[in-house]
PDB file of N, CA and C in Angstrom:
ATOM      1  N   MET A   1     105.531 111.161 104.286  1.00  0.00           N
ATOM      2  CA  MET A   1     105.039 111.642 105.578  1.00  0.00           C
ATOM      3  C   MET A   1     106.341 111.955 106.349  1.00  0.00           C
ATOM      4  N   PRO A   2     106.933 112.679 107.058  1.00  0.00           N
ATOM      5  CA  PRO A   2     108.085 112.629 108.054  1.00  0.00           C
ATOM      6  C   PRO A   2     107.103 112.380 109.292  1.00  0.00           C
ATOM      7  N   GLU A   3     107.834 111.710 109.921  1.00  0.00           N
ATOM      8  CA  GLU A   3     107.380 111.644 111.429  1.00  0.00           C
ATOM      9  C   GLU A   3     107.853 112.490 112.465  1.00  0.00           C
ATOM     10  N   LYS A   4     107.295 112.544 113.648  1.00  0.00           N
ATOM     11  CA  LYS A   4     107.223 113.643 114.637  1.00  0.00           C
ATOM     12  C   LYS A   4     108.717 113.947 114.810  1.00  0.00           C
ATOM     13  N   LYS A   5     109.478 113.160 115.137  1.00  0.00           N
ATOM     14  CA  LYS A   5     110.878 113.274 115.374  1.00  0.00           C
ATOM     15  C   LYS A   5     111.401 114.015 113.830  1.00  0.00           C
ATOM     16  N   ASP A   6     111.030 113.516 112.810  1.00  0.00           N
ATOM     17  CA  ASP A   6     111.800 114.161 111.745  1.00  0.00           C
ATOM     18  C   ASP A   6     111.569 115.497 111.438  1.00  0.00           C
ATOM     19  N   LEU A   7     109.828 115.761 111.943  1.00  0.00           N
ATOM     20  CA  LEU A   7     109.376 116.986 111.684  1.00  0.00           C
ATOM     21  C   LEU A   7     110.219 117.984 112.602  1.00  0.00           C
ATOM     22  N   ARG A   8     110.930 117.567 113.591  1.00  0.00           N
ATOM     23  CA  ARG A   8     111.615 118.703 114.850  1.00  0.00           C
ATOM     24  C   ARG A   8     112.619 118.935 114.300  1.00  0.00           C
ATOM     25  N   ARG A   9     113.049 118.207 113.498  1.00  0.00           N
ATOM     26  CA  ARG A   9     114.409 118.620 112.835  1.00  0.00           C
ATOM     27  C   ARG A   9     114.507 119.548 111.591  1.00  0.00           C
ATOM     28  N   LEU A  10     113.213 119.623 111.332  1.00  0.00           N
ATOM     29  CA  LEU A  10     113.298 120.404 109.949  1.00  0.00           C
ATOM     30  C   LEU A  10     113.518 122.056 110.513  1.00  0.00           C
ATOM     31  N   SER A  11     113.958 122.950 109.480  1.00  0.00           N
ATOM     32  CA  SER A  11     113.981 124.463 109.528  1.00  0.00           C
ATOM     33  C   SER A  11     112.602 124.893 109.661  1.00  0.00           C
ATOM     34  N   ALA A  12     112.374 126.146 110.103  1.00  0.00           N
ATOM     35  CA  ALA A  12     111.403 126.864 109.773  1.00  0.00           C
ATOM     36  C   ALA A  12     110.993 126.796 108.816  1.00  0.00           C
ATOM     37  N   ASP A  13     111.787 127.210 107.679  1.00  0.00           N
ATOM     38  CA  ASP A  13     111.172 127.264 106.604  1.00  0.00           C
ATOM     39  C   ASP A  13     110.862 125.741 105.899  1.00  0.00           C
ATOM     40  N   GLU A  14     111.348 124.920 106.254  1.00  0.00           N
ATOM     41  CA  GLU A  14     111.086 123.636 105.741  1.00  0.00           C
ATOM     42  C   GLU A  14     109.924 123.114 106.369  1.00  0.00           C
ATOM     43  N   LEU A  15     109.262 123.363 107.699  1.00  0.00           N
ATOM     44  CA  LEU A  15     108.461 122.856 108.579  1.00  0.00           C
ATOM     45  C   LEU A  15     107.024 123.898 107.919  1.00  0.00           C
ATOM     46  N   THR A  16     107.278 125.275 107.596  1.00  0.00           N
ATOM     47  CA  THR A  16     106.334 125.991 106.606  1.00  0.00           C
ATOM     48  C   THR A  16     106.080 125.335 105.510  1.00  0.00           C
ATOM     49  N   GLU A  17     106.945 124.545 104.628  1.00  0.00           N
ATOM     50  CA  GLU A  17     106.837 124.066 103.619  1.00  0.00           C
ATOM     51  C   GLU A  17     106.030 122.776 103.643  1.00  0.00           C
ATOM     52  N   GLU A  18     106.304 121.903 104.731  1.00  0.00           N
ATOM     53  CA  GLU A  18     105.687 120.643 105.040  1.00  0.00           C
ATOM     54  C   GLU A  18     104.117 120.878 105.465  1.00  0.00           C
ATOM     55  N   MET A  19     103.844 121.918 105.958  1.00  0.00           N
ATOM     56  CA  MET A  19     102.494 122.296 106.586  1.00  0.00           C
ATOM     57  C   MET A  19     101.861 122.855 105.544  1.00  0.00           C
ATOM     58  N   LYS A  20     102.403 123.669 104.196  1.00  0.00           N
ATOM     59  CA  LYS A  20     101.649 124.038 102.828  1.00  0.00           C
ATOM     60  C   LYS A  20     101.330 122.617 102.264  1.00  0.00           C
ATOM     61  N   THR A  21     102.217 121.792 102.319  1.00  0.00           N
ATOM     62  CA  THR A  21     101.927 120.801 101.653  1.00  0.00           C
ATOM     63  C   THR A  21     101.011 119.604 101.907  1.00  0.00           C
ATOM     64  N   ALA A  22     100.667 119.585 103.340  1.00  0.00           N
ATOM     65  CA  ALA A  22      99.920 119.007 103.908  1.00  0.00           C
ATOM     66  C   ALA A  22      98.525 119.593 103.861  1.00  0.00           C
ATOM     67  N   ARG A  23      98.666 120.548 103.853  1.00  0.00           N
ATOM     68  CA  ARG A  23      97.128 121.462 103.671  1.00  0.00           C
ATOM     69  C   ARG A  23      96.852 121.227 102.323  1.00  0.00           C
ATOM     70  N   GLU A  24      97.489 121.283 101.353  1.00  0.00           N
ATOM     71  CA  GLU A  24      97.067 121.099  99.963  1.00  0.00           C
ATOM     72  C   GLU A  24      96.807 119.756  99.577  1.00  0.00           C
ATOM     73  N   GLU A  25      97.076 118.565 100.185  1.00  0.00           N
ATOM     74  CA  GLU A  25      96.446 117.794 100.309  1.00  0.00           C
ATOM     75  C   GLU A  25      95.496 117.449 100.889  1.00  0.00           C
ATOM     76  N   LEU A  26      95.275 118.006 102.197  1.00  0.00           N
ATOM     77  CA  LEU A  26      94.037 117.853 102.690  1.00  0.00           C
ATOM     78  C   LEU A  26      92.844 118.819 101.705  1.00  0.00           C
ATOM     79  N   LEU A  27      93.169 119.285 100.853  1.00  0.00           N
ATOM     80  CA  LEU A  27      92.093 120.461 100.092  1.00  0.00           C
ATOM     81  C   LEU A  27      91.849 119.248  99.057  1.00  0.00           C
ATOM     82  N   ASP A  28      92.990 118.626  98.659  1.00  0.00           N
ATOM     83  CA  ASP A  28      92.632 117.401  97.035  1.00  0.00           C
ATOM     84  C   ASP A  28      91.772 116.607  98.143  1.00  0.00           C
ATOM     85  N   LEU A  29      91.880 115.945  98.747  1.00  0.00           N
ATOM     86  CA  LEU A  29      91.349 114.838  99.740  1.00  0.00           C
ATOM     87  C   LEU A  29      90.047 115.175  99.755  1.00  0.00           C
ATOM     88  N   ARG A  30      89.632 116.570 100.151  1.00  0.00           N
ATOM     89  CA  ARG A  30      88.113 116.963 100.296  1.00  0.00           C
ATOM     90  C   ARG A  30      87.562 116.998  98.826  1.00  0.00           C
ATOM     91  N   PHE A  31      88.244 117.429  98.068  1.00  0.00           N
ATOM     92  CA  PHE A  31      87.746 117.624  96.473  1.00  0.00           C
ATOM     93  C   PHE A  31      87.140 116.201  96.505  1.00  0.00           C
ATOM     94  N   GLN A  32      88.033 115.231  96.392  1.00  0.00           N
ATOM     95  CA  GLN A  32      87.692 113.868  95.908  1.00  0.00           C
ATOM     96  C   GLN A  32      86.709 113.334  96.809  1.00  0.00           C
ATOM     97  N   LEU A  33      86.472 113.568  98.066  1.00  0.00           N
ATOM     98  CA  LEU A  33      85.593 113.380  99.039  1.00  0.00           C
ATOM     99  C   LEU A  33      84.109 114.083  98.051  1.00  0.00           C
ATOM    100  N   ALA A  34      84.211 114.896  97.777  1.00  0.00           N
ATOM    101  CA  ALA A  34      83.084 115.447  97.255  1.00  0.00           C
ATOM    102  C   ALA A  34      82.649 115.355  96.052  1.00  0.00           C
ATOM    103  N   THR A  35      83.545 114.797  95.510  1.00  0.00           N
ATOM    104  CA  THR A  35      83.142 114.494  93.916  1.00  0.00           C
ATOM    105  C   THR A  35      83.119 113.020  94.129  1.00  0.00           C
ATOM    106  N   ARG A  36      82.986 112.167  95.451  1.00  0.00           N
ATOM    107  CA  ARG A  36      82.921 110.560  95.292  1.00  0.00           C
ATOM    108  C   ARG A  36      84.110 109.834  94.635  1.00  0.00           C
ATOM    109  N   GLN A  37      85.194 110.317  94.483  1.00  0.00           N
ATOM    110  CA  GLN A  37      86.274 109.508  93.930  1.00  0.00           C
ATOM    111  C   GLN A  37      87.368 109.040  94.819  1.00  0.00           C
ATOM    112  N   LEU A  38      87.061 109.264  96.041  1.00  0.00           N
ATOM    113  CA  LEU A  38      88.210 109.287  97.282  1.00  0.00           C
ATOM    114  C   LEU A  38      87.720 107.758  97.570  1.00  0.00           C
ATOM    115  N   LYS A  39      88.752 106.772  97.647  1.00  0.00           N
ATOM    116  CA  LYS A  39      88.826 105.552  97.844  1.00  0.00           C
ATOM    117  C   LYS A  39      89.211 105.525  99.424  1.00  0.00           C
ATOM    118  N   ASP A  40      90.171 106.015  99.927  1.00  0.00           N
ATOM    119  CA  ASP A  40      90.321 105.804 101.237  1.00  0.00           C
ATOM    120  C   ASP A  40      90.098 107.152 101.805  1.00  0.00           C
ATOM    121  N   VAL A  41      88.988 106.780 102.740  1.00  0.00           N
ATOM    122  CA  VAL A  41      88.825 108.043 103.528  1.00  0.00           C
ATOM    123  C   VAL A  41      89.315 108.167 104.756  1.00  0.00           C
ATOM    124  N   HIS A  42      90.278 107.152 105.426  1.00  0.00           N
ATOM    125  CA  HIS A  42      91.224 107.319 106.245  1.00  0.00           C
ATOM    126  C   HIS A  42      92.231 108.200 105.789  1.00  0.00           C
ATOM    127  N   ALA A  43      92.378 108.689 104.651  1.00  0.00           N
ATOM    128  CA  ALA A  43      93.683 109.505 104.333  1.00  0.00           C
ATOM    129  C   ALA A  43      93.123 110.735 104.870  1.00  0.00           C
ATOM    130  N   ILE A  44      92.092 111.319 104.678  1.00  0.00           N
ATOM    131  CA  ILE A  44      91.624 112.639 105.476  1.00  0.00           C
ATOM    132  C   ILE A  44      91.853 112.722 106.848  1.00  0.00           C
ATOM    133  N   LYS A  45      92.063 111.870 107.792  1.00  0.00           N
ATOM    134  CA  LYS A  45      92.216 111.887 109.041  1.00  0.00           C
ATOM    135  C   LYS A  45      93.903 112.010 109.086  1.00  0.00           C
ATOM    136  N   ARG A  46      94.567 111.209 108.225  1.00  0.00           N
ATOM    137  CA  ARG A  46      96.000 111.240 108.428  1.00  0.00           C
ATOM    138  C   ARG A  46      96.634 112.821 107.941  1.00  0.00           C
ATOM    139  N   ALA A  47      95.846 113.094 106.629  1.00  0.00           N
ATOM    140  CA  ALA A  47      96.406 114.488 106.642  1.00  0.00           C
ATOM    141  C   ALA A  47      95.926 115.587 107.570  1.00  0.00           C
ATOM    142  N   ARG A  48      94.798 115.611 108.236  1.00  0.00           N
ATOM    143  CA  ARG A  48      94.644 116.311 109.492  1.00  0.00           C
ATOM    144  C   ARG A  48      95.642 116.343 110.327  1.00  0.00           C
ATOM    145  N   ALA A  49      96.197 115.068 110.817  1.00  0.00           N
ATOM    146  CA  ALA A  49      97.085 114.905 111.673  1.00  0.00           C
ATOM    147  C   ALA A  49      98.213 115.593 111.180  1.00  0.00           C
ATOM    148  N   ARG A  50      98.628 115.326 110.041  1.00  0.00           N
ATOM    149  CA  ARG A  50      99.902 115.890 109.788  1.00  0.00           C
ATOM    150  C   ARG A  50      99.908 117.326 109.783  1.00  0.00           C
ATOM    151  N   VAL A  51      99.076 117.911 109.538  1.00  0.00           N
ATOM    152  CA  VAL A  51      98.829 119.717 109.649  1.00  0.00           C
ATOM    153  C   VAL A  51      99.038 119.681 110.934  1.00  0.00           C
ATOM    154  N   ALA A  52      98.395 119.201 112.068  1.00  0.00           N
ATOM    155  CA  ALA A  52      98.065 119.420 113.511  1.00  0.00           C
ATOM    156  C   ALA A  52      99.581 119.274 114.057  1.00  0.00           C
ATOM    157  N   ARG A  53     100.469 118.148 113.311  1.00  0.00           N
ATOM    158  CA  ARG A  53     101.686 117.907 114.274  1.00  0.00           C
ATOM    159  C   ARG A  53     102.635 119.070 113.470  1.00  0.00           C
ATOM    160  N   ALA A  54     102.519 119.666 112.318  1.00  0.00           N
ATOM    161  CA  ALA A  54     103.384 120.790 111.885  1.00  0.00           C
ATOM    162  C   ALA A  54     103.120 121.708 112.790  1.00  0.00           C
ATOM    163  N   LEU A  55     101.973 122.245 113.314  1.00  0.00           N
ATOM    164  CA  LEU A  55     101.096 122.948 113.821  1.00  0.00           C
ATOM    165  C   LEU A  55     101.985 123.087 114.988  1.00  0.00           C
ATOM    166  N   THR A  56     101.812 121.964 116.070  1.00  0.00           N
ATOM    167  CA  THR A  56     101.758 121.829 117.350  1.00  0.00           C
ATOM    168  C   THR A  56     103.682 122.284 117.186  1.00  0.00           C
ATOM    169  N   ILE A  57     104.490 121.466 116.562  1.00  0.00           N
ATOM    170  CA  ILE A  57     105.982 121.990 116.674  1.00  0.00           C
ATOM    171  C   ILE A  57     105.961 123.430 116.112  1.00  0.00           C
ATOM    172  N   GLU A  58     105.608 123.969 115.360  1.00  0.00           N
ATOM    173  CA  GLU A  58     105.716 125.308 115.257  1.00  0.00           C
ATOM    174  C   GLU A  58     105.290 126.343 116.522  1.00  0.00           C
ATOM    175  N   ARG A  59     104.310 125.782 116.907  1.00  0.00           N
ATOM    176  CA  ARG A  59     103.785 126.292 118.185  1.00  0.00           C
ATOM    177  C   ARG A  59     104.910 126.075 119.332  1.00  0.00           C
ATOM    178  N   GLN A  60     105.356 124.981 119.732  1.00  0.00           N
ATOM    179  CA  GLN A  60     106.477 124.844 120.695  1.00  0.00           C
ATOM    180  C   GLN A  60     107.667 125.457 120.269  1.00  0.00           C
ATOM    181  N   ARG A  61     108.022 125.725 119.205  1.00  0.00           N
ATOM    182  CA  ARG A  61     109.064 126.659 119.016  1.00  0.00           C
ATOM    183  C   ARG A  61     108.901 128.274 119.399  1.00  0.00           C
ATOM    184  N   GLU A  62     107.283 128.714 118.776  1.00  0.00           N
ATOM    185  CA  GLU A  62     107.077 130.207 119.262  1.00  0.00           C
ATOM    186  C   GLU A  62     107.445 130.254 120.930  1.00  0.00           C
ATOM    187  N   ILE A  63     106.811 129.150 121.846  1.00  0.00           N
ATOM    188  CA  ILE A  63     106.660 129.398 123.344  1.00  0.00           C
ATOM    189  C   ILE A  63     108.336 129.081 123.405  1.00  0.00           C
ATOM    190  N   GLU A  64     109.321 128.401 122.834  1.00  0.00           N
ATOM    191  CA  GLU A  64     110.589 128.115 123.390  1.00  0.00           C
ATOM    192  C   GLU A  64     111.312 129.446 123.263  1.00  0.00           C
ATOM    193  N   ASN A  65     111.158 130.468 122.263  1.00  0.00           N
ATOM    194  CA  ASN A  65     111.760 131.388 121.695  1.00  0.00           C
ATOM    195  C   ASN A  65     111.028 132.521 122.607  1.00  0.00           C
ATOM    196  N   ALA A  66     109.934 132.373 123.130  1.00  0.00           N
ATOM    197  CA  ALA A  66     109.635 133.894 123.848  1.00  0.00           C
ATOM    198  C   ALA A  66     110.161 133.927 124.899  1.00  0.00           C
TER     199      ALA A  66
END
C-alpha cells in the first residue's frame, strides 16, 4: 500500500489503477467477512482508508486544475 506522499506522485492513470485495486480488495474483504473467512477485521478499515486517500487526492487535483 503506497503512503499518502507516494500516492501524490502517481499519475492520474496510476492513481485510478490504485483506486480500482483498493476497491477490489475491499470487495473481497467484505465477501470474506460475510462467509466468516476473514481473520483480520481491521483490514476492512485499512482498505476503506486506502480508497478514501485515493479519492481525496483525485479531488484535490480536480480543484487545482479548475
